[in-house]
């Protein structure tokens, strides 16, 4: 059982109409259909994908094949979930296991023609070409010209909203130039405190746990460059997924794609790419991955080596909704529960930058939470609101 996790009901997918139910019964089906359209998969892979679609609809959770390299680990993580309806399993575990089963279906780990072919690559690459890329680079170029203090706030917000394309970067610029209403969609806002922490101490060791590839990873990289260029960090560790997990998750290969995109432009953004390459060579910027990031476990069960990394950091920045769920626990929290209390177990100072795309939420003022629920029914899951929270 997870350590240090307070008692709160686990989110499951068995309440029809809930967001978790929608993910399991509709979004996962659409993803399988999309993969079948994107790739010229042979009959055996197409059969496994369609069989998985039927299983999550009206079957029970099946185990990985005996030959799967991580069968024993998933048997342990899924203890009590197998041979039961998918919707009765904890939602975070079921989502993670669904994506692992997708990799199994498409023969990702199996030597052959589809070995280590990222099934989600076309989805991720679409945002790093053509007009979307040009617009994103142009907006980011405006942010890097800001003074250091304004730039920190702007780039934190750009990294937070990055997967909303250039809108996120524009929100960052608007906030930095005094139009604070641009940050009004932050229902919990510790950005000023995070900036004070970064600017108020000697340059420290920062860990950034990435979320999505594409535009969001570009924004993350510009934030990393800003921290190093202005001596707000002595060293940055960028943590990435070791292989595909959820659809848009950033891996080392996606990082290289972003660096190539930056290297192909002759603007200040090209200079960012050059500085990042030099930072990697000089080991000011370290790229890492870890098996844990593709597990269904919350951060309450951190392996010792990762816990040591976070304990040695002056600040860990967790990006995205999935990392948020893993940090606080994917549970139905009471309105009065605060972020510092729930994140108190984490080995070091931690900031969470998260656009709301799932049901879990902590640390939002109860009165505001009630008002949002009354006026904007889908505020927890529609991607229009966000939180930036700190436990120092």
Protein backbone atom coordinates (compact mmCIF):
# COMPACT_ATOMS: atom_id res chain seq x y z
CA UNK A 1 0.00 0.00 0.00
CA UNK A 2 1.20 3.57 -0.63
CA UNK A 3 3.01 5.22 2.25
CA UNK A 4 1.82 8.44 3.90
CA UNK A 5 -1.40 8.64 1.91
CA UNK A 6 -4.34 10.10 3.89
CA UNK A 7 -7.66 8.37 3.67
CA UNK A 8 -9.86 9.55 0.81
CA UNK A 9 -11.99 7.56 -1.66
CA UNK A 10 -10.12 6.34 -4.74
CA UNK A 11 -11.41 7.61 -8.10
CA UNK A 12 -12.78 4.77 -10.24
CA UNK A 13 -14.48 4.64 -13.63
CA UNK A 14 -17.73 3.03 -12.47
CA UNK A 15 -19.89 6.15 -12.17
CA UNK A 16 -21.59 6.70 -15.51
CA UNK A 17 -21.18 10.25 -16.74
CA UNK A 18 -18.09 10.94 -14.64
CA UNK A 19 -14.89 12.02 -16.31
CA UNK A 20 -13.16 8.76 -15.40
CA UNK A 21 -16.06 6.83 -16.96
CA UNK A 22 -15.78 8.98 -20.10
CA UNK A 23 -12.06 8.24 -20.42
CA UNK A 24 -12.50 4.47 -20.13
CA UNK A 25 -15.64 4.07 -22.22
CA UNK A 26 -15.10 6.68 -24.93
CA UNK A 27 -11.66 8.25 -25.11
CA UNK A 28 -9.79 4.95 -25.01
CA UNK A 29 -12.03 3.62 -27.79
CA UNK A 30 -11.36 6.70 -29.90
CA UNK A 31 -7.62 6.34 -29.34
CA UNK A 32 -7.63 2.75 -30.59
CA UNK A 33 -9.64 3.80 -33.66
CA UNK A 34 -7.16 6.60 -34.29
CA UNK A 35 -4.16 4.27 -34.05
CA UNK A 36 -5.78 1.89 -36.51
CA UNK A 37 -6.17 4.78 -38.95
CA UNK A 38 -2.67 6.22 -38.41
CA UNK A 39 -0.63 3.07 -38.94
CA UNK A 40 -0.66 0.27 -41.55
CA UNK A 41 -0.70 -2.37 -38.86
CA UNK A 42 -0.85 -6.00 -40.00
CA UNK A 43 -3.73 -8.28 -39.13
CA UNK A 44 -2.32 -9.61 -35.84
CA UNK A 45 -1.78 -6.12 -34.38
CA UNK A 46 -5.17 -4.91 -35.59
CA UNK A 47 -6.76 -7.97 -34.01
CA UNK A 48 -5.07 -7.34 -30.65
CA UNK A 49 -6.15 -3.69 -30.65
CA UNK A 50 -9.78 -4.48 -31.46
CA UNK A 51 -9.78 -7.24 -28.85
CA UNK A 52 -8.49 -4.75 -26.25
CA UNK A 53 -11.30 -2.37 -27.22
CA UNK A 54 -13.87 -5.11 -26.58
CA UNK A 55 -12.21 -6.06 -23.31
CA UNK A 56 -12.40 -2.59 -21.78
CA UNK A 57 -16.03 -2.30 -22.86
CA UNK A 58 -17.58 -5.48 -21.55
CA UNK A 59 -14.78 -7.82 -20.48
CA UNK A 60 -12.55 -8.23 -17.45
CA UNK A 61 -8.96 -7.09 -16.99
CA UNK A 62 -6.58 -9.61 -18.54
CA UNK A 63 -2.93 -10.01 -17.59
CA UNK A 64 0.07 -9.35 -19.76
CA UNK A 65 1.49 -12.37 -21.61
CA UNK A 66 3.86 -14.53 -19.61
CA UNK A 67 6.75 -13.46 -21.86
CA UNK A 68 6.26 -9.73 -21.19
CA UNK A 69 9.41 -8.32 -19.59
CA UNK A 70 7.42 -6.46 -16.92
CA UNK A 71 4.67 -9.04 -16.28
CA UNK A 72 5.75 -9.57 -12.66
CA UNK A 73 5.72 -5.84 -11.90
CA UNK A 74 2.25 -5.30 -13.37
CA UNK A 75 0.96 -8.39 -11.56
CA UNK A 76 2.11 -6.76 -8.32
CA UNK A 77 0.82 -3.27 -9.15
CA UNK A 78 -2.53 -4.68 -10.29
CA UNK A 79 -3.10 -7.05 -7.41
CA UNK A 80 -6.88 -7.33 -6.97
CA UNK A 81 -7.69 -5.73 -10.35
CA UNK A 82 -7.35 -8.69 -12.70
CA UNK A 83 -10.37 -10.78 -13.73
CA UNK A 84 -12.54 -7.83 -12.65
CA UNK A 85 -14.36 -5.28 -14.86
CA UNK A 86 -12.06 -2.49 -15.96
CA UNK A 87 -14.34 0.16 -14.51
CA UNK A 88 -13.97 -1.23 -10.99
CA UNK A 89 -10.19 -0.73 -10.91
CA UNK A 90 -8.67 2.52 -9.62
CA UNK A 91 -8.85 4.96 -12.51
CA UNK A 92 -5.16 5.91 -12.49
CA UNK A 93 -4.10 2.27 -12.54
CA UNK A 94 -6.60 1.42 -15.29
CA UNK A 95 -5.43 4.30 -17.51
CA UNK A 96 -1.79 3.36 -17.04
CA UNK A 97 -2.44 -0.32 -17.69
CA UNK A 98 -4.55 0.44 -20.76
CA UNK A 99 -1.63 2.29 -22.33
CA UNK A 100 0.73 -0.53 -21.39
CA UNK A 101 -1.66 -2.97 -23.09
CA UNK A 102 -1.67 -0.75 -26.19
CA UNK A 103 2.12 -1.09 -26.36
CA UNK A 104 1.74 -4.85 -26.02
CA UNK A 105 -0.86 -4.94 -28.79
CA UNK A 106 1.32 -2.99 -31.24
CA UNK A 107 4.39 -5.17 -30.49
CA UNK A 108 6.38 -2.23 -29.17
CA UNK A 109 8.66 -4.40 -27.01
CA UNK A 110 8.77 -7.33 -29.43
CA UNK A 111 11.76 -7.63 -31.83
CA UNK A 112 10.48 -7.21 -35.37
CA UNK A 113 9.20 -4.57 -37.73
CA UNK A 114 7.31 -2.62 -35.06
CA UNK A 115 9.96 -2.85 -32.36
CA UNK A 116 10.19 0.46 -30.44
CA UNK A 117 8.02 2.29 -32.99
CA UNK A 118 6.18 4.92 -30.93
CA UNK A 119 2.48 4.48 -31.84
CA UNK A 120 1.79 8.05 -30.72
CA UNK A 121 4.65 9.70 -32.65
CA UNK A 122 2.46 11.11 -35.49
CA UNK A 123 0.18 12.74 -32.91
CA UNK A 124 3.12 14.37 -31.12
CA UNK A 125 4.95 15.42 -34.29
CA UNK A 126 1.92 17.17 -35.80
CA UNK A 127 2.36 20.14 -33.46
CA UNK A 128 6.01 20.67 -34.34
CA UNK A 129 5.64 21.55 -37.99
CA UNK A 130 4.13 24.21 -40.20
CA UNK A 131 2.10 27.14 -38.92
CA UNK A 132 1.61 25.82 -35.34
CA UNK A 133 5.36 25.61 -34.84
CA UNK A 134 5.97 29.06 -36.35
CA UNK A 135 3.31 30.63 -34.12
CA UNK A 136 4.66 28.91 -31.01
CA UNK A 137 8.25 29.92 -31.68
CA UNK A 138 7.22 33.51 -32.38
CA UNK A 139 5.31 33.75 -29.10
CA UNK A 140 8.13 32.18 -27.10
CA UNK A 141 10.63 34.57 -28.70
CA UNK A 142 8.65 37.46 -27.17
CA UNK A 143 9.00 35.91 -23.72
CA UNK A 144 12.76 35.46 -23.78
CA UNK A 145 13.23 39.20 -24.39
CA UNK A 146 11.59 40.05 -21.06
CA UNK A 147 13.68 41.10 -18.03
CA UNK A 148 14.71 38.20 -15.82
CA UNK A 149 12.05 38.59 -13.12
CA UNK A 150 9.18 39.15 -15.55
CA UNK A 151 10.50 36.37 -17.74
CA UNK A 152 10.43 33.85 -14.89
CA UNK A 153 6.73 34.44 -14.29
CA UNK A 154 5.92 34.47 -18.00
CA UNK A 155 7.80 31.27 -18.69
CA UNK A 156 6.33 29.46 -15.70
CA UNK A 157 2.89 30.27 -17.11
CA UNK A 158 3.96 29.35 -20.63
CA UNK A 159 5.21 25.99 -19.35
CA UNK A 160 1.97 25.54 -17.43
CA UNK A 161 -0.31 26.32 -20.37
CA UNK A 162 2.06 25.06 -23.05
CA UNK A 163 -0.15 22.30 -24.37
CA UNK A 164 -2.74 24.91 -25.32
CA UNK A 165 -0.38 26.01 -28.10
CA UNK A 166 0.43 29.69 -28.48
CA UNK A 167 -2.49 30.69 -26.23
CA UNK A 168 -0.42 29.46 -23.32
CA UNK A 169 2.57 31.53 -24.34
CA UNK A 170 0.35 34.57 -24.81
CA UNK A 171 -1.07 34.11 -21.31
CA UNK A 172 2.46 34.12 -19.98
CA UNK A 173 3.31 37.35 -21.80
CA UNK A 174 0.09 39.04 -20.71
CA UNK A 175 0.68 38.14 -17.07
CA UNK A 176 4.29 39.34 -17.14
CA UNK A 177 3.35 42.69 -18.65
CA UNK A 178 0.80 43.54 -16.00
CA UNK A 179 -2.40 42.07 -17.39
CA UNK A 180 -2.91 39.78 -14.42
CA UNK A 181 -6.43 38.92 -15.57
CA UNK A 182 -4.72 36.61 -18.05
CA UNK A 183 -3.88 34.37 -15.11
CA UNK A 184 -7.46 34.47 -13.81
CA UNK A 185 -8.02 30.90 -14.88
CA UNK A 186 -5.55 29.80 -12.20
CA UNK A 187 -7.82 28.60 -9.42
CA UNK A 188 -4.83 28.24 -7.09
CA UNK A 189 -1.90 30.53 -7.85
CA UNK A 190 1.47 30.23 -6.11
CA UNK A 191 3.41 31.56 -9.12
CA UNK A 192 4.65 34.63 -7.25
CA UNK A 193 5.94 32.49 -4.39
CA UNK A 194 7.64 30.12 -6.85
CA UNK A 195 9.31 33.11 -8.54
CA UNK A 196 10.42 34.49 -5.17
CA UNK A 197 11.93 31.12 -4.32
CA UNK A 198 13.84 30.98 -7.59
CA UNK A 199 15.09 34.58 -7.34
CA UNK A 200 15.67 34.76 -3.61
CA UNK A 201 18.38 32.16 -3.10
CA UNK A 202 21.75 31.22 -4.52
CA UNK A 203 21.48 29.25 -7.78
CA UNK A 204 20.36 25.76 -6.88
CA UNK A 205 19.65 22.36 -8.34
CA UNK A 206 16.31 22.21 -10.15
CA UNK A 207 14.53 19.07 -11.28
CA UNK A 208 11.85 19.44 -13.94
CA UNK A 209 9.62 16.39 -14.46
CA UNK A 210 8.28 16.82 -17.98
CA UNK A 211 4.76 16.02 -19.14
CA UNK A 212 3.84 16.47 -22.82
CA UNK A 213 6.01 16.57 -25.92
CA UNK A 214 5.61 19.11 -28.71
CA UNK A 215 4.79 22.73 -27.85
CA UNK A 216 4.69 22.05 -24.13
CA UNK A 217 8.19 20.56 -24.13
CA UNK A 218 9.41 23.54 -26.14
CA UNK A 219 8.07 25.84 -23.43
CA UNK A 220 9.73 23.68 -20.77
CA UNK A 221 13.06 23.95 -22.58
CA UNK A 222 12.83 27.73 -22.85
CA UNK A 223 12.13 27.84 -19.10
CA UNK A 224 15.20 25.66 -18.49
CA UNK A 225 17.31 27.97 -20.66
CA UNK A 226 16.00 30.99 -18.72
CA UNK A 227 16.89 29.45 -15.35
CA UNK A 228 20.43 28.64 -16.47
CA UNK A 229 21.03 31.85 -18.43
CA UNK A 230 20.01 34.10 -15.53
CA UNK A 231 21.82 32.05 -12.86
CA UNK A 232 18.58 31.02 -11.20
CA UNK A 233 19.74 27.42 -11.33
CA UNK A 234 23.23 25.95 -11.10
CA UNK A 235 22.04 22.68 -12.62
CA UNK A 236 18.79 21.38 -14.14
CA UNK A 237 17.75 17.76 -14.43
CA UNK A 238 15.04 17.15 -17.03
CA UNK A 239 13.20 13.89 -16.37
CA UNK A 240 11.46 12.22 -19.32
CA UNK A 241 9.54 9.01 -19.92
CA UNK A 242 11.74 6.07 -20.99
CA UNK A 243 9.15 4.88 -23.52
CA UNK A 244 5.57 5.81 -24.55
CA UNK A 245 3.15 5.94 -21.66
CA UNK A 246 0.17 8.26 -22.08
CA UNK A 247 -0.35 9.61 -25.59
CA UNK A 248 1.59 12.87 -25.54
CA UNK A 249 4.24 12.04 -22.95
CA UNK A 250 7.71 13.42 -23.64
CA UNK A 251 10.59 10.97 -24.13
CA UNK A 252 14.29 11.59 -24.88
CA UNK A 253 13.55 11.21 -28.61
CA UNK A 254 10.97 13.99 -28.34
CA UNK A 255 13.56 16.16 -26.63
CA UNK A 256 15.89 15.65 -29.59
CA UNK A 257 13.04 16.57 -31.96
CA UNK A 258 12.58 19.85 -30.10
CA UNK A 259 16.30 20.61 -30.20
CA UNK A 260 16.35 19.98 -33.95
CA UNK A 261 13.34 22.27 -34.40
CA UNK A 262 15.14 25.02 -32.48
CA UNK A 263 18.32 24.46 -34.46
CA UNK A 264 16.54 25.05 -37.76
CA UNK A 265 15.46 28.64 -37.03
CA UNK A 266 17.60 31.79 -37.31
CA UNK A 267 15.91 33.76 -34.54
CA UNK A 268 16.56 34.22 -30.82
CA UNK A 269 14.92 30.80 -30.46
CA UNK A 270 17.79 29.32 -32.43
CA UNK A 271 20.13 30.80 -29.84
CA UNK A 272 18.09 29.06 -27.13
CA UNK A 273 18.65 25.76 -28.91
CA UNK A 274 22.41 26.44 -29.12
CA UNK A 275 22.61 27.29 -25.41
CA UNK A 276 20.69 24.15 -24.48
CA UNK A 277 23.04 21.98 -26.52
CA UNK A 278 26.00 23.59 -24.77
CA UNK A 279 24.32 23.09 -21.39
CA UNK A 280 23.95 19.38 -22.12
CA UNK A 281 27.59 19.12 -23.20
CA UNK A 282 28.80 20.94 -20.07
CA UNK A 283 26.44 18.84 -17.91
CA UNK A 284 24.61 21.88 -16.57
CA UNK A 285 21.54 20.21 -18.06
CA UNK A 286 21.12 16.48 -17.52
CA UNK A 287 18.51 14.39 -19.32
CA UNK A 288 17.27 11.34 -17.43
CA UNK A 289 14.47 8.80 -17.56
CA UNK A 290 13.31 6.13 -15.14
CA UNK A 291 11.05 3.08 -15.29
CA UNK A 292 8.94 4.56 -12.47
CA UNK A 293 7.51 7.23 -14.78
CA UNK A 294 5.75 4.51 -16.81
CA UNK A 295 4.38 2.74 -13.75
CA UNK A 296 0.89 3.27 -12.28
CA UNK A 297 2.32 4.12 -8.85
CA UNK A 298 1.86 7.45 -7.09
CA UNK A 299 4.87 9.36 -5.83
CA UNK A 300 4.10 8.01 -2.36
CA UNK A 301 5.86 4.86 -3.54
CA UNK A 302 8.95 6.51 -4.98
CA UNK A 303 11.91 4.15 -5.42
CA UNK A 304 14.88 5.09 -3.27
CA UNK A 305 17.04 6.39 -6.12
CA UNK A 306 14.38 8.84 -7.33
CA UNK A 307 13.56 9.90 -3.77
CA UNK A 308 17.26 10.74 -3.29
CA UNK A 309 17.24 12.91 -6.44
CA UNK A 310 14.27 14.93 -5.18
CA UNK A 311 15.70 15.17 -1.67
CA UNK A 312 18.87 16.68 -3.13
CA UNK A 313 17.07 19.25 -5.26
CA UNK A 314 16.37 22.82 -4.20
CA UNK A 315 13.09 22.60 -6.13
CA UNK A 316 11.31 19.92 -8.13
CA UNK A 317 8.80 21.19 -10.70
CA UNK A 318 6.18 18.61 -11.66
CA UNK A 319 4.47 19.32 -14.96
CA UNK A 320 1.00 18.26 -16.00
CA UNK A 321 -2.13 16.54 -14.87
CA UNK A 322 -0.75 13.01 -14.64
CA UNK A 323 2.14 14.03 -12.40
CA UNK A 324 -0.31 16.00 -10.26
CA UNK A 325 -2.51 12.94 -9.82
CA UNK A 326 0.52 10.89 -8.87
CA UNK A 327 1.72 13.54 -6.42
CA UNK A 328 -1.47 14.12 -4.43
CA UNK A 329 -3.17 10.77 -5.02
CA UNK A 330 -5.97 10.14 -7.52
CA UNK A 331 -8.73 10.48 -4.96
CA UNK A 332 -11.90 12.38 -4.12
CA UNK A 333 -10.46 14.94 -1.71
CA UNK A 334 -12.59 16.99 0.65
CA UNK A 335 -12.78 20.72 -0.23
CA UNK A 336 -10.80 21.83 2.81
CA UNK A 337 -7.74 19.68 2.06
CA UNK A 338 -4.69 21.83 1.30
CA UNK A 339 -1.86 21.19 -1.13
CA UNK A 340 1.03 21.58 1.38
CA UNK A 341 -0.52 18.99 3.69
CA UNK A 342 -1.11 16.44 0.94
CA UNK A 343 2.36 16.98 -0.56
CA UNK A 344 4.16 17.06 2.81
CA UNK A 345 5.55 13.54 2.30
CA UNK A 346 7.50 14.53 -0.84
CA UNK A 347 11.27 14.37 -0.21
CA UNK A 348 11.99 18.03 -1.06
CA UNK A 349 10.39 21.33 -2.11
CA UNK A 350 7.92 20.72 -4.92
CA UNK A 351 5.90 22.88 -7.29
CA UNK A 352 3.07 21.49 -9.41
CA UNK A 353 2.06 23.21 -12.66
CA UNK A 354 -1.11 21.58 -13.87
CA UNK A 355 -3.96 22.25 -16.30
CA UNK A 356 -7.12 20.60 -14.96
CA UNK A 357 -7.89 17.55 -17.09
CA UNK A 358 -9.07 15.09 -14.42
CA UNK A 359 -11.31 15.09 -11.37
CA UNK A 360 -8.75 15.30 -8.58
CA UNK A 361 -8.13 18.70 -6.98
CA UNK A 362 -6.72 19.96 -3.68
CA UNK A 363 -5.87 23.38 -2.33
CA UNK A 364 -8.59 25.42 -4.02
CA UNK A 365 -10.41 27.81 -1.70
CA UNK A 366 -13.66 25.99 -0.76
CA UNK A 367 -15.83 29.01 -1.58
CA UNK A 368 -14.25 29.42 -5.01
CA UNK A 369 -14.47 25.69 -5.59
CA UNK A 370 -18.21 25.75 -4.82
CA UNK A 371 -18.74 28.77 -7.08
CA UNK A 372 -16.86 27.15 -9.95
CA UNK A 373 -18.85 23.95 -9.56
CA UNK A 374 -22.10 25.91 -9.68
CA UNK A 375 -21.15 28.14 -12.60
CA UNK A 376 -18.76 25.97 -14.65
CA UNK A 377 -19.73 22.34 -14.26
CA UNK A 378 -16.72 20.95 -16.12
CA UNK A 379 -14.05 23.18 -14.60
CA UNK A 380 -12.10 20.25 -13.18
CA UNK A 381 -11.67 18.45 -16.48
CA UNK A 382 -12.15 20.76 -19.46
CA UNK A 383 -8.60 22.13 -19.68
CA UNK A 384 -9.74 25.73 -19.18
CA UNK A 385 -8.52 26.08 -15.58
CA UNK A 386 -5.23 25.36 -13.91
CA UNK A 387 -3.32 25.37 -10.64
CA UNK A 388 0.23 26.41 -9.80
CA UNK A 389 0.96 25.16 -6.29
CA UNK A 390 4.04 25.05 -4.08
CA UNK A 391 5.07 23.09 -1.02
CA UNK A 392 8.34 24.70 0.02
